Amino acid sequence: MAEPQKILIIRPRFLGDLILATGLVEVIKSAQSQAEVWFLAETAYSEALSHHPGIAGIVPFDAKKKNNFFYLTGFYKKLRDQKFDIALDLFGNPRSAQITFWSGAKTRVGFDLRGRKWAYNVIAPPSSAPLPSGRRRVTEAYLDQVRALGIATPAPYRTSLQVSDDEKNYVRKLFDRAGIVPGDKVAVLTPGASWPAKKWPLDNFIELGFMLQARKVRPIYIFGPKEDALAKEFEGRMNKDWIYLNQPSLRGLMAFIEAADVLVSNDSGPMHVGPAVGTPTLGLFGPGEPEVWFPYSGPHQVLYSEVPCGHCGLDSCPWMTCMDRLTSVEAAKKAIDLMALKKR
């Protein structure tokens, strides 16, 4: 009998992209149940994968030392010592191509990108036509690398993260202190985003909080790193009965989202946490493309308005027409409907 294969999935960053890659674990395991699936991710994001039952190991990469010769020498040695059979480079930038090559894996899979192909001995061709925008759904690109290995890729594609019992108990204790008892409805709202054009106006998030509160739903607002100014503005306007968390740990963010009945999030990393931990999620999209970045169905929906300049992908915009057309009334209705779909 052949030895189980040891497979390394390389997706250094960012949070949402890494979470989307977790769907490959189920795909690979369905074809090779004994395979060891490992992930390589930057240290800032790698802890999101902790406690995942299908992930055999995590290789953290310290991006702050990416140009340190001594760090890289030791890192590559430890990587080669793992003796991976297969490495999948889902990122496809020069650094990840280099990591793929130096992993020592017998089979190294990557995309047909100029200046990177030297690192791979298997190229994953696109298996479907691009969308009208010219882009492809990101999960389809990931699946192409698995297909290049001859592995079938049955639908649906499901991402997954695991929150530990200790983390769940920690959130439960905080809920108790805040007067939230079992059976109370809770909504997590994340008003931040990496790019200005992806931010639904804070006024709308605040209005949504009042609408949810009127329906006896307790809102929890969570702000991440580099969102201090937005958090400070919110803190001065929040209702006293709302819960406000500024820069919780990544594991803490996951635990609060897992405990909620619904997540309402801009197109950002936290948006992808919801489906991965089983919390119904409403994704707010402006210049981004939900057909590319929101491969979820069932208890997860998007709020999105088609405008003539849509699908632009801009990081900042002087008009923000697409975001301005998303109303708090629509968001509240969808959020309330999604809450009923939360599985306990």
Protein backbone atom coordinates (compact mmCIF):
# COMPACT_ATOMS: atom_id res chain seq x y z
CA MET A 1 0.00 0.00 0.00
CA ALA A 2 1.35 3.45 -0.95
CA GLU A 3 2.30 5.81 1.84
CA PRO A 4 -0.17 8.69 2.50
CA GLN A 5 0.87 11.80 0.65
CA LYS A 6 2.03 14.87 2.52
CA ILE A 7 0.59 17.96 0.84
CA LEU A 8 1.57 21.59 1.52
CA ILE A 9 -0.87 24.38 0.61
CA ILE A 10 0.96 27.70 0.29
CA ARG A 11 -1.23 30.78 0.81
CA PRO A 12 0.81 33.28 2.87
CA ARG A 13 -1.81 36.05 3.04
CA PHE A 14 -4.36 37.62 3.42
CA LEU A 15 -6.96 36.43 5.95
CA GLY A 16 -9.87 36.08 3.52
CA ASP A 17 -7.74 34.37 0.86
CA LEU A 18 -6.36 31.94 3.44
CA ILE A 19 -9.83 31.08 4.71
CA LEU A 20 -11.03 30.49 1.16
CA ALA A 21 -8.17 28.02 0.70
CA THR A 22 -9.40 25.86 3.60
CA GLY A 23 -12.06 24.43 1.29
CA LEU A 24 -9.30 22.40 -0.37
CA VAL A 25 -8.89 20.31 2.79
CA GLU A 26 -12.26 18.61 2.31
CA VAL A 27 -11.67 18.23 -1.42
CA ILE A 28 -8.30 16.53 -0.95
CA LYS A 29 -9.50 14.37 1.95
CA SER A 30 -12.50 13.17 -0.06
CA ALA A 31 -10.09 11.72 -2.62
CA GLN A 32 -7.23 10.72 -0.31
CA SER A 33 -8.57 10.27 3.21
CA GLN A 34 -5.16 9.46 4.68
CA ALA A 35 -3.35 12.42 3.10
CA GLU A 36 -1.63 14.86 5.45
CA VAL A 37 -2.68 18.39 4.52
CA TRP A 38 -0.43 21.20 5.77
CA PHE A 39 -0.66 24.97 5.32
CA LEU A 40 2.02 27.61 5.01
CA ALA A 41 0.87 31.11 5.98
CA GLU A 42 2.34 34.29 7.35
CA THR A 43 2.50 34.37 11.14
CA ALA A 44 -0.15 37.11 11.37
CA TYR A 45 -2.75 34.82 9.79
CA SER A 46 -1.59 31.28 10.52
CA GLU A 47 -3.26 31.08 13.94
CA ALA A 48 -6.65 31.19 12.24
CA LEU A 49 -6.02 27.55 11.23
CA SER A 50 -5.39 26.31 14.78
CA HIS A 51 -7.57 23.41 16.03
CA HIS A 52 -8.70 22.54 12.50
CA PRO A 53 -9.26 18.75 12.56
CA GLY A 54 -8.33 18.28 8.91
CA ILE A 55 -5.06 20.19 8.97
CA ALA A 56 -2.08 18.08 10.03
CA GLY A 57 0.32 20.97 10.52
CA ILE A 58 0.93 24.68 9.99
CA VAL A 59 4.17 26.25 8.79
CA PRO A 60 4.29 29.91 9.89
CA PHE A 61 6.35 32.34 7.82
CA ASP A 62 7.64 35.54 9.46
CA ALA A 63 7.10 38.17 6.75
CA LYS A 64 9.06 40.73 8.79
CA LYS A 65 12.18 38.64 8.18
CA LYS A 66 11.53 37.86 4.52
CA ASN A 67 14.81 39.52 3.49
CA ASN A 68 16.89 38.14 6.37
CA PHE A 69 19.37 35.65 4.91
CA PHE A 70 19.89 33.76 8.17
CA TYR A 71 16.15 33.46 8.85
CA LEU A 72 15.44 32.24 5.31
CA THR A 73 18.26 29.70 5.44
CA GLY A 74 16.87 28.16 8.62
CA PHE A 75 13.29 28.42 7.39
CA TYR A 76 14.00 26.58 4.13
CA LYS A 77 15.93 23.87 5.95
CA LYS A 78 13.03 23.22 8.33
CA LEU A 79 10.64 23.26 5.39
CA ARG A 80 12.66 20.67 3.44
CA ASP A 81 12.99 18.52 6.55
CA GLN A 82 9.19 18.02 6.44
CA LYS A 83 9.65 16.05 3.18
CA PHE A 84 6.49 17.17 1.43
CA ASP A 85 5.35 15.13 -1.55
CA ILE A 86 3.26 17.94 -3.11
CA ALA A 87 3.28 21.73 -2.79
CA LEU A 88 0.45 23.89 -4.13
CA ASP A 89 1.30 27.57 -4.63
CA LEU A 90 -2.06 29.34 -4.46
CA PHE A 91 -0.50 32.80 -4.17
CA GLY A 92 1.73 32.85 -7.21
CA ASN A 93 3.96 35.81 -6.36
CA PRO A 94 7.78 35.67 -6.64
CA ARG A 95 8.22 34.92 -2.94
CA SER A 96 5.70 32.06 -2.83
CA ALA A 97 7.20 30.62 -6.02
CA GLN A 98 10.59 30.62 -4.33
CA ILE A 99 9.12 28.95 -1.23
CA THR A 100 7.48 26.32 -3.43
CA PHE A 101 10.76 25.50 -5.14
CA TRP A 102 12.79 25.33 -1.93
CA SER A 103 10.14 23.20 -0.21
CA GLY A 104 11.80 20.23 -1.92
CA ALA A 105 8.41 18.74 -2.82
CA LYS A 106 8.56 16.19 -5.64
CA THR A 107 5.45 17.73 -7.23
CA ARG A 108 5.23 21.50 -7.28
CA VAL A 109 2.02 23.00 -8.68
CA GLY A 110 1.54 26.61 -9.73
CA PHE A 111 -0.14 28.91 -12.21
CA ASP A 112 1.14 29.89 -15.65
CA LEU A 113 2.59 33.24 -14.57
CA ARG A 114 5.53 34.99 -16.17
CA GLY A 115 8.69 34.76 -14.12
CA ARG A 116 7.28 32.05 -11.79
CA LYS A 117 7.04 28.91 -13.93
CA TRP A 118 10.63 27.94 -13.18
CA ALA A 119 9.55 26.99 -9.63
CA TYR A 120 6.91 24.44 -10.72
CA ASN A 121 6.93 21.12 -12.51
CA VAL A 122 3.12 21.02 -12.86
CA ILE A 123 1.21 23.98 -14.29
CA ALA A 124 -2.49 24.30 -13.44
CA PRO A 125 -4.40 25.55 -16.50
CA PRO A 126 -7.72 27.39 -16.06
CA SER A 127 -10.57 24.89 -16.31
CA SER A 128 -13.38 27.41 -16.84
CA ALA A 129 -13.99 30.59 -18.78
CA PRO A 130 -13.47 33.95 -17.08
CA LEU A 131 -16.41 36.03 -15.87
CA PRO A 132 -17.50 39.09 -17.91
CA SER A 133 -15.06 41.21 -15.90
CA GLY A 134 -12.19 39.02 -17.09
CA ARG A 135 -11.63 37.58 -13.62
CA ARG A 136 -12.40 34.10 -12.32
CA ARG A 137 -13.89 32.99 -9.03
CA VAL A 138 -10.94 32.65 -6.69
CA THR A 139 -12.01 29.22 -5.44
CA GLU A 140 -12.10 27.97 -9.04
CA ALA A 141 -8.47 28.99 -9.43
CA TYR A 142 -7.62 27.11 -6.22
CA LEU A 143 -9.47 24.03 -7.45
CA ASP A 144 -7.54 24.12 -10.72
CA GLN A 145 -4.38 23.20 -8.81
CA VAL A 146 -6.09 20.16 -7.29
CA ARG A 147 -7.50 19.19 -10.68
CA ALA A 148 -3.96 19.34 -12.08
CA LEU A 149 -3.18 16.47 -9.69
CA GLY A 150 -6.04 14.41 -11.13
CA ILE A 151 -8.27 14.87 -8.07
CA ALA A 152 -12.01 15.22 -8.65
CA THR A 153 -13.55 18.39 -7.22
CA PRO A 154 -17.18 17.75 -6.29
CA ALA A 155 -19.44 20.65 -5.26
CA PRO A 156 -20.21 22.35 -2.98
CA TYR A 157 -16.98 24.06 -1.96
CA ARG A 158 -17.03 24.57 1.82
CA THR A 159 -14.53 26.58 3.83
CA SER A 160 -13.97 25.77 7.50
CA LEU A 161 -12.34 27.10 10.67
CA GLN A 162 -12.50 25.64 14.16
CA VAL A 163 -13.20 27.52 17.41
CA SER A 164 -12.05 25.64 20.51
CA ASP A 165 -14.27 24.86 23.50
CA ASP A 166 -12.13 27.14 25.69
CA GLU A 167 -12.68 30.02 23.27
CA LYS A 168 -16.43 29.36 23.20
CA ASN A 169 -16.54 29.35 27.01
CA TYR A 170 -14.61 32.63 27.14
CA VAL A 171 -17.17 34.34 24.91
CA ARG A 172 -20.02 32.81 26.89
CA LYS A 173 -18.64 34.34 30.09
CA LEU A 174 -18.37 37.76 28.44
CA PHE A 175 -21.94 37.41 27.21
CA ASP A 176 -23.07 36.61 30.75
CA ARG A 177 -21.40 39.78 32.04
CA ALA A 178 -23.13 41.79 29.32
CA GLY A 179 -26.53 40.35 30.23
CA ILE A 180 -26.81 38.19 27.12
CA VAL A 181 -28.46 34.93 28.11
CA PRO A 182 -28.85 31.75 26.03
CA GLY A 183 -31.60 32.31 23.49
CA ASP A 184 -30.89 36.03 23.04
CA LYS A 185 -30.12 37.05 19.47
CA VAL A 186 -26.70 38.53 18.73
CA ALA A 187 -25.39 40.20 15.58
CA VAL A 188 -21.71 40.91 14.91
CA LEU A 189 -21.05 43.94 12.71
CA THR A 190 -17.61 44.78 11.27
CA PRO A 191 -17.58 48.33 9.80
CA GLY A 192 -13.92 48.28 8.73
CA ALA A 193 -12.21 47.19 5.53
CA SER A 194 -8.73 47.29 4.05
CA TRP A 195 -9.66 49.79 1.33
CA PRO A 196 -11.77 52.96 1.68
CA ALA A 197 -14.02 52.06 -1.26
CA LYS A 198 -15.08 48.83 0.46
CA LYS A 199 -16.42 50.61 3.55
CA TRP A 200 -20.16 51.00 3.90
CA PRO A 201 -20.68 54.39 5.67
CA LEU A 202 -20.42 54.24 9.44
CA ASP A 203 -23.73 56.11 9.65
CA ASN A 204 -25.39 53.12 8.00
CA PHE A 205 -23.80 50.66 10.40
CA ILE A 206 -25.01 52.75 13.35
CA GLU A 207 -28.51 53.01 11.89
CA LEU A 208 -28.48 49.24 11.36
CA GLY A 209 -27.57 48.77 15.03
CA PHE A 210 -30.63 50.71 16.15
CA MET A 211 -32.85 48.75 13.78
CA LEU A 212 -31.55 45.44 15.10
CA GLN A 213 -31.87 46.61 18.70
CA ALA A 214 -35.52 47.48 18.02
CA ARG A 215 -35.98 43.83 17.03
CA LYS A 216 -34.39 42.71 20.32
CA VAL A 217 -31.09 41.80 18.69
CA ARG A 218 -27.92 42.73 20.59
CA PRO A 219 -25.32 44.24 18.23
CA ILE A 220 -21.58 43.66 18.72
CA TYR A 221 -19.31 46.00 16.78
CA ILE A 222 -15.77 44.78 16.10
CA PHE A 223 -12.92 46.90 14.76
CA GLY A 224 -9.57 45.57 13.62
CA PRO A 225 -6.00 46.81 13.36
CA LYS A 226 -5.49 50.20 11.68
CA GLU A 227 -9.13 51.13 12.36
CA ASP A 228 -8.56 53.24 15.47
CA ALA A 229 -9.96 56.43 13.91
CA LEU A 230 -13.12 54.65 12.78
CA ALA A 231 -13.45 52.94 16.17
CA LYS A 232 -13.03 56.23 18.03
CA GLU A 233 -15.73 57.88 15.92
CA PHE A 234 -18.05 54.96 16.59
CA GLU A 235 -17.32 54.93 20.32
CA GLY A 236 -18.53 58.51 20.62
CA ARG A 237 -21.86 57.67 18.99
CA MET A 238 -22.67 54.15 20.14
CA ASN A 239 -25.67 53.17 22.22
CA LYS A 240 -24.82 52.21 25.80
CA ASP A 241 -26.33 48.73 25.38
CA TRP A 242 -24.14 47.84 22.41
CA ILE A 243 -20.92 45.84 22.75
CA TYR A 244 -17.82 47.39 21.26
CA LEU A 245 -14.56 45.49 20.70
CA ASN A 246 -11.46 47.20 19.39
CA GLN A 247 -8.71 45.00 17.94
CA PRO A 248 -9.47 41.64 19.52
CA SER A 249 -7.05 38.83 18.72
CA LEU A 250 -7.71 36.92 15.52
CA ARG A 251 -8.86 33.93 17.56
CA GLY A 252 -11.11 36.23 19.59
CA LEU A 253 -12.65 37.64 16.43
CA MET A 254 -13.41 34.11 15.26
CA ALA A 255 -14.95 33.14 18.60
CA PHE A 256 -17.31 36.13 18.71
CA ILE A 257 -18.42 35.57 15.13
CA GLU A 258 -18.99 31.86 15.83
CA ALA A 259 -21.18 32.75 18.82
CA ALA A 260 -23.33 35.24 16.88
CA ASP A 261 -26.59 34.54 15.07
CA VAL A 262 -25.56 36.64 12.08
CA LEU A 263 -22.52 38.50 10.77
CA VAL A 264 -22.86 41.70 8.76
CA SER A 265 -19.53 42.61 7.21
CA ASN A 266 -17.93 44.68 4.51
CA ASP A 267 -15.99 42.80 1.82
CA SER A 268 -13.00 42.02 4.06
CA GLY A 269 -11.23 39.24 5.94
CA PRO A 270 -13.79 38.98 8.77
CA MET A 271 -16.55 38.44 6.19
CA HIS A 272 -15.01 35.08 5.32
CA VAL A 273 -14.86 33.99 8.96
CA GLY A 274 -18.66 33.78 9.18
CA PRO A 275 -19.28 31.00 6.63
CA ALA A 276 -16.19 29.13 7.83
CA VAL A 277 -17.49 28.91 11.44
CA GLY A 278 -21.13 28.33 10.48
CA THR A 279 -22.59 31.78 11.16
CA PRO A 280 -25.05 33.15 8.57
CA THR A 281 -23.27 36.01 6.85
CA LEU A 282 -24.39 39.11 4.98
CA GLY A 283 -21.55 40.47 2.83
CA LEU A 284 -21.70 44.12 1.80
CA PHE A 285 -20.15 44.69 -1.62
CA GLY A 286 -19.33 47.88 -3.47
CA PRO A 287 -16.48 47.95 -6.01
CA GLY A 288 -15.59 44.32 -5.38
CA GLU A 289 -17.12 41.40 -7.25
CA PRO A 290 -19.27 39.07 -5.15
CA GLU A 291 -19.19 36.45 -7.92
CA VAL A 292 -15.41 36.33 -7.48
CA TRP A 293 -15.02 36.76 -3.72
CA PHE A 294 -18.26 35.38 -2.24
CA PRO A 295 -18.49 31.69 -3.22
CA TYR A 296 -21.08 30.99 -0.53
CA SER A 297 -24.70 29.92 -0.67
CA GLY A 298 -27.31 28.60 1.74
CA PRO A 299 -27.48 30.79 4.86
CA HIS A 300 -25.10 33.41 3.37
CA GLN A 301 -26.07 36.31 1.11
CA VAL A 302 -24.71 39.51 -0.37
CA LEU A 303 -26.10 43.02 -0.43
CA TYR A 304 -24.97 44.50 -3.70
CA SER A 305 -26.23 47.10 -6.14
CA GLU A 306 -25.47 46.95 -9.85
CA VAL A 307 -24.32 50.35 -11.12
CA PRO A 308 -22.84 51.35 -14.50
CA CYS A 309 -19.37 51.74 -12.99
CA GLY A 310 -19.59 48.53 -10.96
CA HIS A 311 -16.95 45.79 -10.88
CA CYS A 312 -14.30 48.52 -10.97
CA GLY A 313 -12.19 47.05 -8.16
CA LEU A 314 -11.00 50.51 -7.12
CA ASP A 315 -9.38 50.94 -3.70
CA SER A 316 -10.80 54.45 -3.32
CA CYS A 317 -13.58 56.32 -5.13
CA PRO A 318 -14.81 59.94 -5.07
CA TRP A 319 -18.44 58.93 -5.66
CA MET A 320 -19.11 55.64 -3.84
CA THR A 321 -22.42 55.27 -5.69
CA CYS A 322 -22.41 51.48 -5.31
CA MET A 323 -22.07 51.65 -1.52
CA ASP A 324 -24.49 54.56 -1.09
CA ARG A 325 -27.25 52.53 -2.73
CA LEU A 326 -27.09 49.87 -0.01
CA THR A 327 -29.63 50.87 2.62
CA SER A 328 -29.81 50.05 6.31
CA VAL A 329 -33.41 48.91 5.84
CA GLU A 330 -32.34 46.29 3.29
CA ALA A 331 -29.45 45.15 5.47
CA ALA A 332 -31.66 44.84 8.56
CA LYS A 333 -34.28 42.79 6.71
CA LYS A 334 -31.70 40.39 5.29
CA ALA A 335 -29.89 40.08 8.61
CA ILE A 336 -33.10 39.23 10.48
CA ASP A 337 -34.03 36.64 7.86
CA LEU A 338 -30.58 35.04 8.00
CA MET A 339 -30.69 34.70 11.80
CA ALA A 340 -33.40 32.09 11.51
CA LEU A 341 -30.95 29.89 9.57
CA LYS A 342 -28.32 29.67 12.31
CA LYS A 343 -27.76 26.03 13.31
CA ARG A 344 -27.30 25.38 17.03
